[in-house]
Amino acid sequence: MGFFDKIFSKKNKALKIDFADVGLNLTDSGKESIRKFANRNDKERMGDIMMLGDKGDPNFFYLIYYAVLFDSDKNVRFAALKRLHNFKDNPNFEILIKKLGEPNVGEELEPYYSMMLSRIDKISGTEFKDRINGTSEQKINRTPLKNLDEARKFVQDNFENSEETLWISDELNDPVGMNMAIIAVGILKAGYMPDGFDQKNGYRIYKYKKQ
């Protein structure tokens, strides 16, 4: 059993995926691996993408490709997009870049879409800054974060203004507050102090002010 099969061997639910929409010439084993991946829960898929994406192994590009365009959890799509530059030498890389450039595809994944374009030198540093400055805070963090590592990374990458917000899913808010305490370490280190929160349906918007 190969490494990829070991990862997905626990679950093999029937899932209908229209592979004609995927846009890649996949083998039967590749299609089956995507089906298994898609049937894992959000946390498991996030872990898979972080591990395989960091490796940059070209054998896993089709999974990153699928996750960026089709995953049901936007945070998993963000995680895949943030690691996409590790696969820039793959022969199918430009196919994915072209698809992301279609209307309302890459735009829905800001600011990570622009970060990726900057990393692969598709846009200049000046254009990147212009894109980010023109992106509203709500668009940057419009999806509540469900993963501890993603929340910490979001703070590291985006906390720079005098006032910031962090959208945290109720799933990440454990009863004793341990996860928020861990996230707060990076927030305090960046020089921010809590300024209350707003409870929404399924998530909280935490507010912070620069000291």
Protein backbone atom coordinates (compact mmCIF):
# COMPACT_ATOMS: atom_id res chain seq x y z
CA MET A 1 0.00 0.00 0.00
CA GLY A 2 1.42 3.38 -1.03
CA PHE A 3 1.77 6.43 1.19
CA PHE A 4 -1.25 8.12 -0.36
CA ASP A 5 -3.42 5.01 0.10
CA LYS A 6 -2.45 4.79 3.77
CA ILE A 7 -3.67 8.32 4.39
CA PHE A 8 -7.12 7.67 2.94
CA SER A 9 -7.60 3.98 3.73
CA LYS A 10 -10.01 4.56 6.63
CA LYS A 11 -12.85 6.04 4.61
CA ASN A 12 -14.16 5.13 1.20
CA LYS A 13 -17.72 6.45 0.94
CA ALA A 14 -19.47 6.68 -2.38
CA LEU A 15 -19.28 10.27 -3.60
CA LYS A 16 -20.32 11.55 -6.98
CA ILE A 17 -17.78 13.95 -8.44
CA ASP A 18 -18.04 15.24 -11.99
CA PHE A 19 -14.43 14.80 -13.03
CA ALA A 20 -15.18 16.43 -16.37
CA ASP A 21 -15.36 19.71 -14.46
CA VAL A 22 -11.99 19.11 -12.79
CA GLY A 23 -10.08 19.69 -16.01
CA LEU A 24 -7.28 17.19 -15.46
CA ASN A 25 -6.60 13.85 -17.11
CA LEU A 26 -6.81 11.72 -13.96
CA THR A 27 -6.09 8.03 -13.59
CA ASP A 28 -8.69 5.80 -11.94
CA SER A 29 -6.55 5.65 -8.80
CA GLY A 30 -6.29 9.45 -8.79
CA LYS A 31 -10.07 9.78 -9.00
CA GLU A 32 -10.51 7.28 -6.17
CA SER A 33 -8.02 9.18 -3.99
CA ILE A 34 -9.98 12.41 -4.53
CA ARG A 35 -13.23 10.64 -3.58
CA LYS A 36 -11.64 9.37 -0.36
CA PHE A 37 -10.18 12.78 0.41
CA ALA A 38 -13.51 14.54 -0.16
CA ASN A 39 -15.24 12.20 2.30
CA ARG A 40 -12.92 13.08 5.19
CA ASN A 41 -14.03 15.75 7.65
CA ASP A 42 -12.84 19.36 7.49
CA LYS A 43 -10.10 18.91 10.09
CA GLU A 44 -8.72 15.80 8.42
CA ARG A 45 -8.70 17.42 4.98
CA MET A 46 -6.97 20.49 6.40
CA GLY A 47 -4.27 18.29 7.89
CA ASP A 48 -3.84 16.39 4.63
CA ILE A 49 -3.43 19.59 2.63
CA MET A 50 -0.99 21.15 5.07
CA MET A 51 1.18 18.01 5.14
CA LEU A 52 1.10 17.19 1.43
CA GLY A 53 1.22 20.82 0.33
CA ASP A 54 4.32 21.55 2.40
CA LYS A 55 6.08 18.58 0.80
CA GLY A 56 5.53 19.96 -2.70
CA ASP A 57 5.65 16.44 -4.14
CA PRO A 58 4.43 16.62 -7.79
CA ASN A 59 2.64 13.29 -7.30
CA PHE A 60 0.13 15.11 -5.06
CA PHE A 61 -0.49 18.12 -7.28
CA TYR A 62 -3.87 16.83 -8.47
CA LEU A 63 -5.09 16.78 -4.86
CA ILE A 64 -3.96 20.37 -4.25
CA TYR A 65 -5.59 21.31 -7.55
CA TYR A 66 -8.89 19.74 -6.50
CA ALA A 67 -8.80 21.29 -3.01
CA VAL A 68 -8.12 24.81 -4.32
CA LEU A 69 -11.04 24.76 -6.75
CA PHE A 70 -13.64 22.42 -5.28
CA ASP A 71 -13.25 21.75 -1.56
CA SER A 72 -16.44 22.37 0.42
CA ASP A 73 -14.57 24.24 3.21
CA LYS A 74 -13.08 27.57 2.19
CA ASN A 75 -10.39 27.29 4.87
CA VAL A 76 -9.14 24.08 3.23
CA ARG A 77 -9.11 25.96 -0.10
CA PHE A 78 -7.09 28.74 1.56
CA ALA A 79 -4.60 26.21 2.96
CA ALA A 80 -4.13 24.61 -0.48
CA LEU A 81 -3.75 27.97 -2.20
CA LYS A 82 -1.13 29.12 0.31
CA ARG A 83 0.99 26.08 -0.59
CA LEU A 84 0.38 26.14 -4.32
CA HIS A 85 3.72 27.83 -5.08
CA ASN A 86 5.46 24.62 -3.99
CA PHE A 87 4.08 23.00 -7.17
CA LYS A 88 4.95 25.70 -9.70
CA ASP A 89 7.13 23.33 -11.75
CA ASN A 90 4.26 20.88 -12.30
CA PRO A 91 3.26 20.69 -16.00
CA ASN A 92 -0.40 21.28 -15.07
CA PHE A 93 0.31 24.27 -12.85
CA GLU A 94 -0.66 26.85 -15.48
CA ILE A 95 -4.00 25.11 -16.04
CA LEU A 96 -4.89 25.83 -12.42
CA ILE A 97 -3.59 29.41 -12.62
CA LYS A 98 -5.81 29.98 -15.66
CA LYS A 99 -8.86 28.57 -13.86
CA LEU A 100 -8.18 30.78 -10.84
CA GLY A 101 -8.08 33.76 -13.19
CA GLU A 102 -11.66 33.17 -14.31
CA PRO A 103 -14.33 35.55 -12.94
CA ASN A 104 -15.20 35.07 -9.27
CA VAL A 105 -12.79 32.15 -8.78
CA GLY A 106 -9.47 33.48 -7.48
CA GLU A 107 -11.21 36.66 -6.33
CA GLU A 108 -13.19 34.65 -3.79
CA LEU A 109 -9.93 33.43 -2.24
CA GLU A 110 -8.37 36.78 -1.40
CA PRO A 111 -5.97 37.72 0.08
CA TYR A 112 -4.32 34.32 -0.43
CA TYR A 113 -4.89 34.42 -4.18
CA SER A 114 -2.85 37.62 -4.52
CA MET A 115 -0.22 36.27 -2.12
CA MET A 116 0.18 33.21 -4.32
CA LEU A 117 0.46 35.30 -7.50
CA SER A 118 3.15 37.40 -5.84
CA ARG A 119 5.09 34.32 -4.73
CA ILE A 120 5.24 32.97 -8.29
CA ASP A 121 6.04 36.41 -9.76
CA LYS A 122 2.76 36.74 -11.66
CA ILE A 123 2.26 40.19 -10.12
CA SER A 124 4.77 42.76 -8.87
CA GLY A 125 5.24 43.78 -5.26
CA THR A 126 3.54 47.09 -5.99
CA GLU A 127 0.54 45.40 -7.60
CA PHE A 128 0.29 43.03 -4.66
CA LYS A 129 0.15 45.92 -2.19
CA ASP A 130 -2.46 47.68 -4.31
CA ARG A 131 -4.60 44.53 -4.39
CA ILE A 132 -4.36 44.02 -0.64
CA ASN A 133 -5.01 47.66 0.19
CA GLY A 134 -8.08 47.54 -2.01
CA THR A 135 -9.47 44.44 -0.28
CA SER A 136 -11.90 45.15 2.52
CA GLU A 137 -11.34 43.56 5.90
CA GLN A 138 -14.59 41.67 5.58
CA LYS A 139 -13.46 40.08 2.34
CA ILE A 140 -10.08 39.09 3.83
CA ASN A 141 -11.59 37.36 6.83
CA ARG A 142 -15.18 36.71 5.80
CA THR A 143 -15.04 32.99 6.58
CA PRO A 144 -14.89 32.03 10.28
CA LEU A 145 -11.69 30.14 11.02
CA LYS A 146 -12.11 26.55 12.27
CA ASN A 147 -8.49 25.47 12.58
CA LEU A 148 -6.03 26.57 15.27
CA ASP A 149 -3.00 26.68 12.97
CA GLU A 150 -4.90 28.68 10.36
CA ALA A 151 -6.05 31.19 13.00
CA ARG A 152 -2.51 31.70 14.28
CA LYS A 153 -1.22 32.06 10.74
CA PHE A 154 -3.97 34.57 9.92
CA VAL A 155 -2.87 36.75 12.84
CA GLN A 156 0.75 36.51 11.75
CA ASP A 157 -0.02 37.40 8.13
CA ASN A 158 -2.70 40.06 8.53
CA PHE A 159 -2.54 41.91 11.85
CA GLU A 160 -0.96 45.26 10.98
CA ASN A 161 -3.60 48.01 11.27
CA SER A 162 -4.55 49.98 14.38
CA GLU A 163 -7.71 47.88 14.73
CA GLU A 164 -8.14 44.26 13.65
CA THR A 165 -10.80 41.56 13.87
CA LEU A 166 -10.61 37.80 13.95
CA TRP A 167 -13.56 35.63 12.91
CA ILE A 168 -13.53 32.41 14.94
CA SER A 169 -15.97 29.54 14.45
CA ASP A 170 -17.79 28.25 17.53
CA GLU A 171 -16.17 24.91 16.69
CA LEU A 172 -12.78 26.41 17.59
CA ASN A 173 -14.07 28.04 20.78
CA ASP A 174 -13.60 25.20 23.26
CA PRO A 175 -15.42 25.42 26.64
CA VAL A 176 -12.32 26.27 28.68
CA GLY A 177 -10.94 28.78 26.18
CA MET A 178 -7.68 26.92 25.57
CA ASN A 179 -7.62 27.53 21.80
CA MET A 180 -8.23 31.27 22.14
CA ALA A 181 -5.50 31.43 24.80
CA ILE A 182 -3.06 29.88 22.32
CA ILE A 183 -4.13 32.28 19.57
CA ALA A 184 -3.84 35.20 21.99
CA VAL A 185 -0.11 34.56 22.45
CA GLY A 186 0.59 35.68 18.87
CA ILE A 187 -1.90 38.55 19.13
CA LEU A 188 -0.29 39.96 22.29
CA LYS A 189 3.16 39.46 20.79
CA ALA A 190 2.07 41.58 17.80
CA GLY A 191 1.12 44.38 20.21
CA TYR A 192 -2.67 44.04 20.23
CA MET A 193 -5.10 44.00 23.14
CA PRO A 194 -8.64 42.54 23.20
CA ASP A 195 -11.50 44.98 22.63
CA GLY A 196 -14.53 42.72 23.05
CA PHE A 197 -16.33 40.48 20.60
CA ASP A 198 -19.63 40.15 18.74
CA GLN A 199 -21.44 36.82 18.86
CA LYS A 200 -22.84 35.82 15.48
CA ASN A 201 -24.67 32.73 14.27
CA GLY A 202 -22.03 30.01 14.56
CA TYR A 203 -19.01 32.24 15.14
CA ARG A 204 -17.59 35.21 17.03
CA ILE A 205 -15.90 38.33 15.70
CA TYR A 206 -13.10 39.17 18.14
CA LYS A 207 -11.92 42.78 18.14
CA TYR A 208 -8.38 44.00 18.88
CA LYS A 209 -6.64 47.36 19.16
CA LYS A 210 -2.97 48.10 18.63
CA GLN A 211 -1.26 49.36 21.79
